[in-house]
PDB file of N, CA and C in Angstrom:
ATOM      1  N   MET A   1       0.589  -1.211   0.091  1.00  0.00           N
ATOM      2  CA  MET A   1       0.076  -0.143   0.040  1.00  0.00           C
ATOM      3  C   MET A   1       0.865   1.238  -0.239  1.00  0.00           C
ATOM      4  N   PRO A   2       0.969   2.361  -0.860  1.00  0.00           N
ATOM      5  CA  PRO A   2       1.400   3.300  -0.769  1.00  0.00           C
ATOM      6  C   PRO A   2       1.366   4.287   0.045  1.00  0.00           C
ATOM      7  N   ASN A   3       2.549   4.593   0.942  1.00  0.00           N
ATOM      8  CA  ASN A   3       2.315   5.731   1.802  1.00  0.00           C
ATOM      9  C   ASN A   3       2.150   7.163   1.228  1.00  0.00           C
ATOM     10  N   SER A   4       0.452   7.439   1.801  1.00  0.00           N
ATOM     11  CA  SER A   4      -0.332   9.043   1.298  1.00  0.00           C
ATOM     12  C   SER A   4       0.730  10.183   2.033  1.00  0.00           C
ATOM     13  N   HIS A   5       1.756   9.587   2.920  1.00  0.00           N
ATOM     14  CA  HIS A   5       2.079  11.203   3.706  1.00  0.00           C
ATOM     15  C   HIS A   5       3.320  11.341   2.500  1.00  0.00           C
ATOM     16  N   THR A   6       3.287  12.962   2.267  1.00  0.00           N
ATOM     17  CA  THR A   6       4.186  13.697   1.509  1.00  0.00           C
ATOM     18  C   THR A   6       5.374  14.146   2.667  1.00  0.00           C
ATOM     19  N   GLU A   7       6.662  13.737   2.309  1.00  0.00           N
ATOM     20  CA  GLU A   7       7.628  14.663   3.049  1.00  0.00           C
ATOM     21  C   GLU A   7       8.049  15.866   2.571  1.00  0.00           C
ATOM     22  N   ALA A   8       7.511  16.575   3.925  1.00  0.00           N
ATOM     23  CA  ALA A   8       7.703  17.967   3.551  1.00  0.00           C
ATOM     24  C   ALA A   8       9.028  18.491   3.308  1.00  0.00           C
ATOM     25  N   ARG A   9       9.801  17.834   4.227  1.00  0.00           N
ATOM     26  CA  ARG A   9      11.233  18.548   4.477  1.00  0.00           C
ATOM     27  C   ARG A   9      12.145  18.470   3.266  1.00  0.00           C
ATOM     28  N   GLN A  10      12.928  19.312   3.184  1.00  0.00           N
ATOM     29  CA  GLN A  10      13.806  19.535   2.033  1.00  0.00           C
ATOM     30  C   GLN A  10      15.234  18.748   1.977  1.00  0.00           C
ATOM     31  N   PHE A  11      15.487  18.517   3.091  1.00  0.00           N
ATOM     32  CA  PHE A  11      16.873  17.713   3.373  1.00  0.00           C
ATOM     33  C   PHE A  11      16.447  16.421   4.141  1.00  0.00           C
ATOM     34  N   GLY A  12      16.973  15.413   4.076  1.00  0.00           N
ATOM     35  CA  GLY A  12      16.770  14.424   4.854  1.00  0.00           C
ATOM     36  C   GLY A  12      17.360  14.349   6.159  1.00  0.00           C
ATOM     37  N   ARG A  13      16.712  13.789   7.330  1.00  0.00           N
ATOM     38  CA  ARG A  13      17.241  13.659   8.786  1.00  0.00           C
ATOM     39  C   ARG A  13      17.994  12.815   9.083  1.00  0.00           C
ATOM     40  N   ARG A  14      18.656  12.873   9.704  1.00  0.00           N
ATOM     41  CA  ARG A  14      19.267  11.581  10.401  1.00  0.00           C
ATOM     42  C   ARG A  14      19.170  11.559  11.732  1.00  0.00           C
ATOM     43  N   ARG A  15      18.687  10.199  12.183  1.00  0.00           N
ATOM     44  CA  ARG A  15      18.241  10.156  13.641  1.00  0.00           C
ATOM     45  C   ARG A  15      19.448  10.157  14.489  1.00  0.00           C
ATOM     46  N   ALA A  16      19.182  10.933  15.714  1.00  0.00           N
ATOM     47  CA  ALA A  16      20.019  11.342  16.865  1.00  0.00           C
ATOM     48  C   ALA A  16      19.665  11.241  17.973  1.00  0.00           C
ATOM     49  N   LEU A  17      20.552  10.892  19.322  1.00  0.00           N
ATOM     50  CA  LEU A  17      20.104  11.021  20.350  1.00  0.00           C
ATOM     51  C   LEU A  17      21.558  11.717  20.785  1.00  0.00           C
ATOM     52  N   ILE A  18      21.402  13.285  20.982  1.00  0.00           N
ATOM     53  CA  ILE A  18      22.320  14.009  21.437  1.00  0.00           C
ATOM     54  C   ILE A  18      22.124  15.043  22.600  1.00  0.00           C
ATOM     55  N   HIS A  19      22.434  15.327  23.508  1.00  0.00           N
ATOM     56  CA  HIS A  19      22.129  16.147  24.620  1.00  0.00           C
ATOM     57  C   HIS A  19      22.576  17.779  24.168  1.00  0.00           C
ATOM     58  N   ALA A  20      21.797  18.372  24.362  1.00  0.00           N
ATOM     59  CA  ALA A  20      22.237  20.032  23.828  1.00  0.00           C
ATOM     60  C   ALA A  20      21.804  20.714  25.075  1.00  0.00           C
ATOM     61  N   PHE A  21      21.752  22.039  24.378  1.00  0.00           N
ATOM     62  CA  PHE A  21      20.764  23.387  25.154  1.00  0.00           C
ATOM     63  C   PHE A  21      20.277  23.908  24.388  1.00  0.00           C
ATOM     64  N   ILE A  22      19.299  24.591  24.849  1.00  0.00           N
ATOM     65  CA  ILE A  22      18.431  25.608  24.010  1.00  0.00           C
ATOM     66  C   ILE A  22      18.986  27.000  25.088  1.00  0.00           C
ATOM     67  N   VAL A  23      19.486  27.484  24.337  1.00  0.00           N
ATOM     68  CA  VAL A  23      20.026  28.775  24.746  1.00  0.00           C
ATOM     69  C   VAL A  23      19.135  30.191  24.407  1.00  0.00           C
ATOM     70  N   THR A  24      18.380  30.624  25.482  1.00  0.00           N
ATOM     71  CA  THR A  24      17.572  31.648  24.954  1.00  0.00           C
ATOM     72  C   THR A  24      18.140  33.049  24.587  1.00  0.00           C
ATOM     73  N   GLU A  25      17.471  34.256  23.982  1.00  0.00           N
ATOM     74  CA  GLU A  25      18.168  35.716  24.163  1.00  0.00           C
ATOM     75  C   GLU A  25      19.061  36.291  25.687  1.00  0.00           C
ATOM     76  N   LYS A  26      17.944  35.871  26.609  1.00  0.00           N
ATOM     77  CA  LYS A  26      18.264  36.549  28.191  1.00  0.00           C
ATOM     78  C   LYS A  26      19.759  35.272  28.492  1.00  0.00           C
ATOM     79  N   GLY A  27      20.054  34.241  27.791  1.00  0.00           N
ATOM     80  CA  GLY A  27      21.587  33.444  28.184  1.00  0.00           C
ATOM     81  C   GLY A  27      20.312  32.418  29.119  1.00  0.00           C
ATOM     82  N   HIS A  28      19.559  32.131  29.391  1.00  0.00           N
ATOM     83  CA  HIS A  28      19.166  30.975  29.711  1.00  0.00           C
ATOM     84  C   HIS A  28      19.292  29.675  29.308  1.00  0.00           C
ATOM     85  N   ARG A  29      19.665  28.342  29.858  1.00  0.00           N
ATOM     86  CA  ARG A  29      19.923  27.404  29.349  1.00  0.00           C
ATOM     87  C   ARG A  29      18.947  26.010  29.609  1.00  0.00           C
ATOM     88  N   ILE A  30      18.247  25.742  28.679  1.00  0.00           N
ATOM     89  CA  ILE A  30      17.143  24.630  28.665  1.00  0.00           C
ATOM     90  C   ILE A  30      17.690  23.307  28.109  1.00  0.00           C
ATOM     91  N   ALA A  31      18.112  22.004  28.859  1.00  0.00           N
ATOM     92  CA  ALA A  31      18.357  20.785  28.185  1.00  0.00           C
ATOM     93  C   ALA A  31      17.523  20.285  27.770  1.00  0.00           C
ATOM     94  N   CYS A  32      18.043  19.750  26.373  1.00  0.00           N
ATOM     95  CA  CYS A  32      17.122  19.157  25.150  1.00  0.00           C
ATOM     96  C   CYS A  32      17.922  17.827  24.735  1.00  0.00           C
ATOM     97  N   ILE A  33      17.116  17.016  23.849  1.00  0.00           N
ATOM     98  CA  ILE A  33      17.690  16.062  23.236  1.00  0.00           C
ATOM     99  C   ILE A  33      17.865  16.178  21.482  1.00  0.00           C
ATOM    100  N   VAL A  34      18.711  16.203  21.069  1.00  0.00           N
ATOM    101  CA  VAL A  34      18.300  16.442  19.653  1.00  0.00           C
ATOM    102  C   VAL A  34      18.221  14.895  19.424  1.00  0.00           C
ATOM    103  N   ARG A  35      16.584  14.485  18.407  1.00  0.00           N
ATOM    104  CA  ARG A  35      16.043  13.362  18.051  1.00  0.00           C
ATOM    105  C   ARG A  35      16.730  12.606  16.386  1.00  0.00           C
ATOM    106  N   ASN A  36      16.714  14.207  15.667  1.00  0.00           N
ATOM    107  CA  ASN A  36      16.980  13.780  14.373  1.00  0.00           C
ATOM    108  C   ASN A  36      17.786  15.227  13.920  1.00  0.00           C
ATOM    109  N   ILE A  37      18.275  15.063  13.005  1.00  0.00           N
ATOM    110  CA  ILE A  37      19.118  16.840  12.641  1.00  0.00           C
ATOM    111  C   ILE A  37      19.490  16.369  10.987  1.00  0.00           C
ATOM    112  N   SER A  38      19.183  17.653  10.530  1.00  0.00           N
ATOM    113  CA  SER A  38      19.819  17.856   8.832  1.00  0.00           C
ATOM    114  C   SER A  38      20.063  19.154   8.822  1.00  0.00           C
ATOM    115  N   ALA A  39      20.530  18.947   7.299  1.00  0.00           N
ATOM    116  CA  ALA A  39      21.036  21.005   7.333  1.00  0.00           C
ATOM    117  C   ALA A  39      20.383  21.490   7.533  1.00  0.00           C
ATOM    118  N   GLY A  40      19.268  21.377   7.222  1.00  0.00           N
ATOM    119  CA  GLY A  40      18.095  22.764   7.851  1.00  0.00           C
ATOM    120  C   GLY A  40      17.576  22.641   9.078  1.00  0.00           C
ATOM    121  N   GLY A  41      17.367  21.663   9.767  1.00  0.00           N
ATOM    122  CA  GLY A  41      17.112  21.574  10.756  1.00  0.00           C
ATOM    123  C   GLY A  41      16.886  20.453  11.938  1.00  0.00           C
ATOM    124  N   ALA A  42      16.298  20.734  13.086  1.00  0.00           N
ATOM    125  CA  ALA A  42      16.164  19.229  13.945  1.00  0.00           C
ATOM    126  C   ALA A  42      14.777  19.094  14.711  1.00  0.00           C
ATOM    127  N   LEU A  43      14.848  18.007  15.265  1.00  0.00           N
ATOM    128  CA  LEU A  43      13.785  17.652  15.776  1.00  0.00           C
ATOM    129  C   LEU A  43      14.202  17.768  17.583  1.00  0.00           C
ATOM    130  N   LEU A  44      13.743  18.514  18.319  1.00  0.00           N
ATOM    131  CA  LEU A  44      14.383  18.424  19.812  1.00  0.00           C
ATOM    132  C   LEU A  44      13.166  18.317  20.814  1.00  0.00           C
ATOM    133  N   GLU A  45      13.854  17.249  22.034  1.00  0.00           N
ATOM    134  CA  GLU A  45      13.157  16.258  22.639  1.00  0.00           C
ATOM    135  C   GLU A  45      12.990  17.483  24.051  1.00  0.00           C
ATOM    136  N   VAL A  46      12.135  18.184  24.473  1.00  0.00           N
ATOM    137  CA  VAL A  46      12.071  18.963  25.641  1.00  0.00           C
ATOM    138  C   VAL A  46      10.839  18.650  26.657  1.00  0.00           C
ATOM    139  N   GLU A  47      10.968  18.962  27.700  1.00  0.00           N
ATOM    140  CA  GLU A  47      10.135  18.925  28.890  1.00  0.00           C
ATOM    141  C   GLU A  47       8.879  19.734  28.359  1.00  0.00           C
ATOM    142  N   GLU A  48       8.825  21.168  28.762  1.00  0.00           N
ATOM    143  CA  GLU A  48       7.533  21.745  28.365  1.00  0.00           C
ATOM    144  C   GLU A  48       7.816  22.436  27.013  1.00  0.00           C
ATOM    145  N   PRO A  49       7.547  21.895  25.886  1.00  0.00           N
ATOM    146  CA  PRO A  49       7.573  22.891  24.398  1.00  0.00           C
ATOM    147  C   PRO A  49       6.871  23.944  24.586  1.00  0.00           C
ATOM    148  N   LYS A  50       5.979  23.931  25.088  1.00  0.00           N
ATOM    149  CA  LYS A  50       5.275  25.704  25.199  1.00  0.00           C
ATOM    150  C   LYS A  50       6.335  26.556  25.687  1.00  0.00           C
ATOM    151  N   GLN A  51       7.107  26.244  26.413  1.00  0.00           N
ATOM    152  CA  GLN A  51       7.511  27.110  27.490  1.00  0.00           C
ATOM    153  C   GLN A  51       9.027  27.942  26.298  1.00  0.00           C
ATOM    154  N   ILE A  52       9.191  26.960  25.569  1.00  0.00           N
ATOM    155  CA  ILE A  52      10.285  27.177  24.589  1.00  0.00           C
ATOM    156  C   ILE A  52      10.252  28.441  23.668  1.00  0.00           C
ATOM    157  N   PRO A  53      11.089  29.361  23.766  1.00  0.00           N
ATOM    158  CA  PRO A  53      10.984  30.948  22.676  1.00  0.00           C
ATOM    159  C   PRO A  53      10.893  30.339  21.303  1.00  0.00           C
ATOM    160  N   ASN A  54      10.119  31.019  20.596  1.00  0.00           N
ATOM    161  CA  ASN A  54      10.245  31.061  19.286  1.00  0.00           C
ATOM    162  C   ASN A  54      11.679  31.053  18.429  1.00  0.00           C
ATOM    163  N   ARG A  55      12.755  31.564  18.819  1.00  0.00           N
ATOM    164  CA  ARG A  55      13.969  31.574  18.328  1.00  0.00           C
ATOM    165  C   ARG A  55      14.784  31.631  19.601  1.00  0.00           C
ATOM    166  N   PHE A  56      15.972  30.842  18.876  1.00  0.00           N
ATOM    167  CA  PHE A  56      17.165  30.731  20.358  1.00  0.00           C
ATOM    168  C   PHE A  56      18.127  30.122  19.501  1.00  0.00           C
ATOM    169  N   LYS A  57      18.774  29.909  20.239  1.00  0.00           N
ATOM    170  CA  LYS A  57      20.405  29.077  19.972  1.00  0.00           C
ATOM    171  C   LYS A  57      20.494  27.706  20.258  1.00  0.00           C
ATOM    172  N   LEU A  58      20.517  26.687  19.480  1.00  0.00           N
ATOM    173  CA  LEU A  58      21.008  25.397  20.088  1.00  0.00           C
ATOM    174  C   LEU A  58      22.322  25.347  20.256  1.00  0.00           C
ATOM    175  N   LEU A  59      22.934  24.728  20.793  1.00  0.00           N
ATOM    176  CA  LEU A  59      24.230  24.485  21.488  1.00  0.00           C
ATOM    177  C   LEU A  59      24.820  23.155  21.674  1.00  0.00           C
ATOM    178  N   ILE A  60      25.345  22.364  21.312  1.00  0.00           N
ATOM    179  CA  ILE A  60      26.039  21.565  21.940  1.00  0.00           C
ATOM    180  C   ILE A  60      27.660  21.527  21.805  1.00  0.00           C
ATOM    181  N   GLU A  61      27.547  21.942  23.240  1.00  0.00           N
ATOM    182  CA  GLU A  61      29.461  22.299  23.306  1.00  0.00           C
ATOM    183  C   GLU A  61      30.544  21.475  23.248  1.00  0.00           C
ATOM    184  N   VAL A  62      30.320  20.406  23.575  1.00  0.00           N
ATOM    185  CA  VAL A  62      31.413  19.055  23.395  1.00  0.00           C
ATOM    186  C   VAL A  62      31.780  19.067  21.797  1.00  0.00           C
ATOM    187  N   ASP A  63      30.547  19.262  21.154  1.00  0.00           N
ATOM    188  CA  ASP A  63      31.155  18.657  19.583  1.00  0.00           C
ATOM    189  C   ASP A  63      31.429  20.247  18.764  1.00  0.00           C
ATOM    190  N   GLY A  64      31.534  21.306  19.442  1.00  0.00           N
ATOM    191  CA  GLY A  64      31.755  22.481  18.365  1.00  0.00           C
ATOM    192  C   GLY A  64      30.405  22.739  17.510  1.00  0.00           C
ATOM    193  N   PHE A  65      29.035  22.449  18.175  1.00  0.00           N
ATOM    194  CA  PHE A  65      28.191  22.854  17.020  1.00  0.00           C
ATOM    195  C   PHE A  65      27.088  23.827  17.775  1.00  0.00           C
ATOM    196  N   ASP A  66      26.746  25.157  17.064  1.00  0.00           N
ATOM    197  CA  ASP A  66      25.405  25.894  17.320  1.00  0.00           C
ATOM    198  C   ASP A  66      24.955  26.302  16.094  1.00  0.00           C
ATOM    199  N   ALA A  67      23.585  26.319  16.483  1.00  0.00           N
ATOM    200  CA  ALA A  67      22.693  26.784  15.246  1.00  0.00           C
ATOM    201  C   ALA A  67      21.951  28.012  15.868  1.00  0.00           C
ATOM    202  N   ASP A  68      21.760  28.993  15.447  1.00  0.00           N
ATOM    203  CA  ASP A  68      20.393  29.727  15.692  1.00  0.00           C
ATOM    204  C   ASP A  68      19.371  29.629  14.538  1.00  0.00           C
ATOM    205  N   CYS A  69      18.325  28.912  15.653  1.00  0.00           N
ATOM    206  CA  CYS A  69      16.796  28.543  15.140  1.00  0.00           C
ATOM    207  C   CYS A  69      15.515  29.310  15.402  1.00  0.00           C
ATOM    208  N   ASP A  70      14.505  28.926  14.828  1.00  0.00           N
ATOM    209  CA  ASP A  70      13.207  29.265  14.831  1.00  0.00           C
ATOM    210  C   ASP A  70      12.539  27.961  14.729  1.00  0.00           C
ATOM    211  N   ILE A  71      11.610  27.872  15.909  1.00  0.00           N
ATOM    212  CA  ILE A  71      10.441  27.063  15.541  1.00  0.00           C
ATOM    213  C   ILE A  71       9.750  26.947  14.395  1.00  0.00           C
ATOM    214  N   ARG A  72       9.595  26.025  14.178  1.00  0.00           N
ATOM    215  CA  ARG A  72       8.637  25.293  12.771  1.00  0.00           C
ATOM    216  C   ARG A  72       7.370  24.896  13.519  1.00  0.00           C
ATOM    217  N   HIS A  73       7.474  24.045  14.185  1.00  0.00           N
ATOM    218  CA  HIS A  73       6.142  23.086  14.900  1.00  0.00           C
ATOM    219  C   HIS A  73       6.452  22.842  16.198  1.00  0.00           C
ATOM    220  N   ARG A  74       5.426  22.414  17.265  1.00  0.00           N
ATOM    221  CA  ARG A  74       5.501  21.887  18.285  1.00  0.00           C
ATOM    222  C   ARG A  74       4.423  20.871  18.460  1.00  0.00           C
ATOM    223  N   VAL A  75       5.159  19.908  19.016  1.00  0.00           N
ATOM    224  CA  VAL A  75       4.541  18.309  19.300  1.00  0.00           C
ATOM    225  C   VAL A  75       4.729  17.915  21.092  1.00  0.00           C
ATOM    226  N   ALA A  76       3.986  17.183  21.659  1.00  0.00           N
ATOM    227  CA  ALA A  76       3.825  16.918  22.572  1.00  0.00           C
ATOM    228  C   ALA A  76       4.958  16.812  23.496  1.00  0.00           C
ATOM    229  N   HIS A  77       5.926  16.768  23.309  1.00  0.00           N
ATOM    230  CA  HIS A  77       7.350  16.621  23.704  1.00  0.00           C
ATOM    231  C   HIS A  77       8.188  16.861  23.513  1.00  0.00           C
ATOM    232  N   GLY A  78       8.123  18.030  22.196  1.00  0.00           N
ATOM    233  CA  GLY A  78       9.387  18.455  21.302  1.00  0.00           C
ATOM    234  C   GLY A  78       8.942  19.684  20.632  1.00  0.00           C
ATOM    235  N   VAL A  79      10.013  19.994  20.149  1.00  0.00           N
ATOM    236  CA  VAL A  79      10.015  21.481  18.862  1.00  0.00           C
ATOM    237  C   VAL A  79      10.493  20.526  17.396  1.00  0.00           C
ATOM    238  N   GLY A  80      10.258  21.081  16.431  1.00  0.00           N
ATOM    239  CA  GLY A  80      10.788  20.885  15.306  1.00  0.00           C
ATOM    240  C   GLY A  80      11.380  22.674  15.093  1.00  0.00           C
ATOM    241  N   VAL A  81      12.677  22.553  14.654  1.00  0.00           N
ATOM    242  CA  VAL A  81      13.478  23.724  14.407  1.00  0.00           C
ATOM    243  C   VAL A  81      13.693  23.760  12.733  1.00  0.00           C
ATOM    244  N   TYR A  82      14.003  25.030  12.608  1.00  0.00           N
ATOM    245  CA  TYR A  82      14.393  25.555  11.320  1.00  0.00           C
ATOM    246  C   TYR A  82      16.127  26.366  11.588  1.00  0.00           C
ATOM    247  N   PHE A  83      17.261  25.632  10.969  1.00  0.00           N
ATOM    248  CA  PHE A  83      18.631  26.323  11.230  1.00  0.00           C
ATOM    249  C   PHE A  83      18.402  27.718  10.617  1.00  0.00           C
ATOM    250  N   ASN A  84      18.298  28.902  10.988  1.00  0.00           N
ATOM    251  CA  ASN A  84      18.982  30.144  10.192  1.00  0.00           C
ATOM    252  C   ASN A  84      20.454  30.266   9.512  1.00  0.00           C
ATOM    253  N   GLU A  85      20.964  29.879  10.821  1.00  0.00           N
ATOM    254  CA  GLU A  85      22.792  29.574  10.736  1.00  0.00           C
ATOM    255  C   GLU A  85      23.445  28.708  11.642  1.00  0.00           C
ATOM    256  N   VAL A  86      24.031  28.125  10.903  1.00  0.00           N
ATOM    257  CA  VAL A  86      24.768  26.725  11.651  1.00  0.00           C
ATOM    258  C   VAL A  86      26.353  27.133  11.821  1.00  0.00           C
ATOM    259  N   ARG A  87      26.905  26.806  12.748  1.00  0.00           N
ATOM    260  CA  ARG A  87      28.709  26.794  13.217  1.00  0.00           C
ATOM    261  C   ARG A  87      28.803  25.355  13.831  1.00  0.00           C
ATOM    262  N   ILE A  88      29.769  24.644  13.015  1.00  0.00           N
ATOM    263  CA  ILE A  88      30.480  23.649  13.025  1.00  0.00           C
ATOM    264  C   ILE A  88      32.066  23.807  13.455  1.00  0.00           C
ATOM    265  N   ALA A  89      32.574  23.177  14.525  1.00  0.00           N
ATOM    266  CA  ALA A  89      34.116  23.052  14.504  1.00  0.00           C
ATOM    267  C   ALA A  89      34.526  21.956  14.509  1.00  0.00           C
ATOM    268  N   HIS A  90      35.057  21.189  13.253  1.00  0.00           N
ATOM    269  CA  HIS A  90      34.883  19.364  13.326  1.00  0.00           C
ATOM    270  C   HIS A  90      36.390  19.468  12.854  1.00  0.00           C
ATOM    271  N   ASN A  91      36.885  18.586  13.465  1.00  0.00           N
ATOM    272  CA  ASN A  91      38.644  18.297  12.704  1.00  0.00           C
ATOM    273  C   ASN A  91      39.457  19.648  12.505  1.00  0.00           C
ATOM    274  N   GLY A  92      39.578  20.491  13.572  1.00  0.00           N
ATOM    275  CA  GLY A  92      40.010  21.480  13.213  1.00  0.00           C
ATOM    276  C   GLY A  92      39.759  22.850  12.368  1.00  0.00           C
ATOM    277  N   ARG A  93      38.377  22.521  11.806  1.00  0.00           N
ATOM    278  CA  ARG A  93      38.117  23.583  10.574  1.00  0.00           C
ATOM    279  C   ARG A  93      36.427  24.163  11.505  1.00  0.00           C
ATOM    280  N   ASP A  94      36.106  24.846  11.081  1.00  0.00           N
ATOM    281  CA  ASP A  94      35.081  25.919  11.336  1.00  0.00           C
ATOM    282  C   ASP A  94      34.213  26.121  10.225  1.00  0.00           C
ATOM    283  N   THR A  95      33.293  25.471   9.812  1.00  0.00           N
ATOM    284  CA  THR A  95      32.161  25.845   8.945  1.00  0.00           C
ATOM    285  C   THR A  95      31.164  26.215   9.258  1.00  0.00           C
ATOM    286  N   ARG A  96      30.840  27.201   8.663  1.00  0.00           N
ATOM    287  CA  ARG A  96      29.811  28.657   8.884  1.00  0.00           C
ATOM    288  C   ARG A  96      28.988  28.494   7.773  1.00  0.00           C
ATOM    289  N   PHE A  97      27.372  28.364   8.040  1.00  0.00           N
ATOM    290  CA  PHE A  97      26.455  28.578   7.083  1.00  0.00           C
ATOM    291  C   PHE A  97      25.488  29.395   7.291  1.00  0.00           C
ATOM    292  N   ALA A  98      25.427  30.270   6.682  1.00  0.00           N
ATOM    293  CA  ALA A  98      24.575  31.178   6.768  1.00  0.00           C
ATOM    294  C   ALA A  98      23.999  31.953   5.406  1.00  0.00           C
ATOM    295  N   GLY A  99      22.995  32.274   4.999  1.00  0.00           N
ATOM    296  CA  GLY A  99      22.212  32.923   4.125  1.00  0.00           C
ATOM    297  C   GLY A  99      21.392  32.856   3.449  1.00  0.00           C
ATOM    298  N   PRO A 100      20.667  32.457   2.418  1.00  0.00           N
ATOM    299  CA  PRO A 100      19.519  32.014   1.688  1.00  0.00           C
ATOM    300  C   PRO A 100      18.873  31.417   2.894  1.00  0.00           C
ATOM    301  N   LYS A 101      17.647  31.565   2.767  1.00  0.00           N
ATOM    302  CA  LYS A 101      16.229  30.657   3.378  1.00  0.00           C
ATOM    303  C   LYS A 101      16.559  29.329   3.244  1.00  0.00           C
ATOM    304  N   LEU A 102      15.820  28.033   3.866  1.00  0.00           N
ATOM    305  CA  LEU A 102      16.420  27.005   3.290  1.00  0.00           C
ATOM    306  C   LEU A 102      15.542  26.672   2.171  1.00  0.00           C
ATOM    307  N   SER A 103      13.976  27.640   1.451  1.00  0.00           N
ATOM    308  CA  SER A 103      13.711  27.135   0.602  1.00  0.00           C
ATOM    309  C   SER A 103      14.436  27.630  -0.920  1.00  0.00           C
ATOM    310  N   SER A 104      15.434  28.318  -0.358  1.00  0.00           N
ATOM    311  CA  SER A 104      16.527  28.868  -1.779  1.00  0.00           C
ATOM    312  C   SER A 104      17.627  27.736  -1.760  1.00  0.00           C
ATOM    313  N   LEU A 105      17.704  26.922  -0.931  1.00  0.00           N
ATOM    314  CA  LEU A 105      18.923  25.929  -0.942  1.00  0.00           C
ATOM    315  C   LEU A 105      19.089  25.018  -1.843  1.00  0.00           C
ATOM    316  N   THR A 106      17.331  24.849  -2.317  1.00  0.00           N
ATOM    317  CA  THR A 106      17.496  23.743  -3.810  1.00  0.00           C
ATOM    318  C   THR A 106      17.688  24.326  -4.682  1.00  0.00           C
ATOM    319  N   GLU A 107      18.052  25.608  -4.988  1.00  0.00           N
ATOM    320  CA  GLU A 107      18.099  26.629  -6.228  1.00  0.00           C
ATOM    321  C   GLU A 107      19.586  25.801  -6.616  1.00  0.00           C
ATOM    322  N   PRO A 108      19.832  25.658  -8.066  1.00  0.00           N
ATOM    323  CA  PRO A 108      21.384  25.380  -8.132  1.00  0.00           C
ATOM    324  C   PRO A 108      22.523  26.080  -7.953  1.00  0.00           C
ATOM    325  N   ALA A 109      22.196  27.689  -7.594  1.00  0.00           N
ATOM    326  CA  ALA A 109      23.167  28.775  -6.922  1.00  0.00           C
ATOM    327  C   ALA A 109      23.679  28.186  -5.807  1.00  0.00           C
ATOM    328  N   HIS A 110      23.031  27.671  -4.799  1.00  0.00           N
ATOM    329  CA  HIS A 110      23.043  27.162  -3.407  1.00  0.00           C
ATOM    330  C   HIS A 110      23.717  25.422  -2.998  1.00  0.00           C
ATOM    331  N   ALA A 111      23.262  24.972  -4.291  1.00  0.00           N
ATOM    332  CA  ALA A 111      23.187  23.496  -4.091  1.00  0.00           C
ATOM    333  C   ALA A 111      24.410  22.901  -3.365  1.00  0.00           C
ATOM    334  N   SER A 112      25.614  23.569  -3.840  1.00  0.00           N
ATOM    335  CA  SER A 112      27.032  23.101  -3.391  1.00  0.00           C
ATOM    336  C   SER A 112      27.230  23.557  -2.234  1.00  0.00           C
ATOM    337  N   ARG A 113      26.498  24.750  -1.604  1.00  0.00           N
ATOM    338  CA  ARG A 113      26.456  25.264  -0.038  1.00  0.00           C
ATOM    339  C   ARG A 113      25.826  24.291   0.794  1.00  0.00           C
ATOM    340  N   ALA A 114      24.684  23.915   0.287  1.00  0.00           N
ATOM    341  CA  ALA A 114      23.911  23.082   1.050  1.00  0.00           C
ATOM    342  C   ALA A 114      24.324  21.568   1.110  1.00  0.00           C
ATOM    343  N   ILE A 115      24.917  21.027   0.070  1.00  0.00           N
ATOM    344  CA  ILE A 115      25.441  19.641   0.075  1.00  0.00           C
ATOM    345  C   ILE A 115      26.735  19.766   0.876  1.00  0.00           C
ATOM    346  N   SER A 116      27.433  20.955   0.911  1.00  0.00           N
ATOM    347  CA  SER A 116      29.017  20.953   1.864  1.00  0.00           C
ATOM    348  C   SER A 116      28.257  20.702   3.194  1.00  0.00           C
ATOM    349  N   LEU A 117      27.434  21.620   3.359  1.00  0.00           N
ATOM    350  CA  LEU A 117      26.937  21.910   5.221  1.00  0.00           C
ATOM    351  C   LEU A 117      26.725  20.562   5.593  1.00  0.00           C
ATOM    352  N   ASN A 118      25.198  19.280   4.790  1.00  0.00           N
ATOM    353  CA  ASN A 118      24.953  18.362   5.040  1.00  0.00           C
ATOM    354  C   ASN A 118      25.769  17.396   5.226  1.00  0.00           C
ATOM    355  N   ALA A 119      27.057  17.270   4.435  1.00  0.00           N
ATOM    356  CA  ALA A 119      28.099  16.239   4.635  1.00  0.00           C
ATOM    357  C   ALA A 119      28.808  16.692   5.903  1.00  0.00           C
ATOM    358  N   ASP A 120      29.029  18.134   6.055  1.00  0.00           N
ATOM    359  CA  ASP A 120      29.793  18.023   7.419  1.00  0.00           C
ATOM    360  C   ASP A 120      28.944  17.376   8.663  1.00  0.00           C
ATOM    361  N   LEU A 121      27.620  17.739   8.703  1.00  0.00           N
ATOM    362  CA  LEU A 121      26.474  17.582   9.729  1.00  0.00           C
ATOM    363  C   LEU A 121      26.764  15.914   9.866  1.00  0.00           C
ATOM    364  N   ILE A 122      26.446  15.221   8.419  1.00  0.00           N
ATOM    365  CA  ILE A 122      26.851  13.912   8.658  1.00  0.00           C
ATOM    366  C   ILE A 122      27.896  13.283   9.203  1.00  0.00           C
ATOM    367  N   ALA A 123      29.294  14.022   9.111  1.00  0.00           N
ATOM    368  CA  ALA A 123      30.682  13.678   9.406  1.00  0.00           C
ATOM    369  C   ALA A 123      30.601  13.884  10.852  1.00  0.00           C
ATOM    370  N   TRP A 124      29.903  15.474  11.171  1.00  0.00           N
ATOM    371  CA  TRP A 124      29.974  15.291  12.590  1.00  0.00           C
ATOM    372  C   TRP A 124      29.119  14.324  13.459  1.00  0.00           C
ATOM    373  N   ALA A 125      27.832  14.199  12.875  1.00  0.00           N
ATOM    374  CA  ALA A 125      26.624  13.120  13.884  1.00  0.00           C
ATOM    375  C   ALA A 125      27.446  11.852  14.014  1.00  0.00           C
ATOM    376  N   SER A 126      28.456  11.486  12.750  1.00  0.00           N
ATOM    377  CA  SER A 126      28.567   9.975  13.187  1.00  0.00           C
ATOM    378  C   SER A 126      29.765  10.137  13.921  1.00  0.00           C
ATOM    379  N   THR A 127      30.588  11.285  14.633  1.00  0.00           N
ATOM    380  CA  THR A 127      31.324  11.101  15.545  1.00  0.00           C
ATOM    381  C   THR A 127      30.691  11.271  16.912  1.00  0.00           C
ATOM    382  N   THR A 128      29.565  11.880  16.793  1.00  0.00           N
ATOM    383  CA  THR A 128      29.057  12.108  18.021  1.00  0.00           C
ATOM    384  C   THR A 128      28.273  10.887  18.639  1.00  0.00           C
ATOM    385  N   ARG A 129      28.340  10.507  19.906  1.00  0.00           N
ATOM    386  CA  ARG A 129      27.490   9.425  20.703  1.00  0.00           C
ATOM    387  C   ARG A 129      26.386   9.504  21.399  1.00  0.00           C
TER     388      ARG A 129
END
């Protein structure tokens, strides 16, 4: 039987189980778990999704990852987020991605940047336990 659900994401997500922090504009830190991640966003598990601000920084200190995020949707125990800007320090290399909105990343002019970031995310996620 064919699946009637159409995937709305532009980038495939990689399953994860990573401890992280949501950092609010006032500097408050809220513990969370990254459940899946892609070049465009992530699903974060949190205790009280309704109390998470619409805009924040996702921080995984031990792995040198941080991202400026906007909430796209809220679920019972989590939030789906869109990455506005991502910074990854991996193998002595600092990768920063900022620029066009996610919808334009599939355009040919931005495709190599999106692929590069996705490759960095996959390399980073595969080294994270």
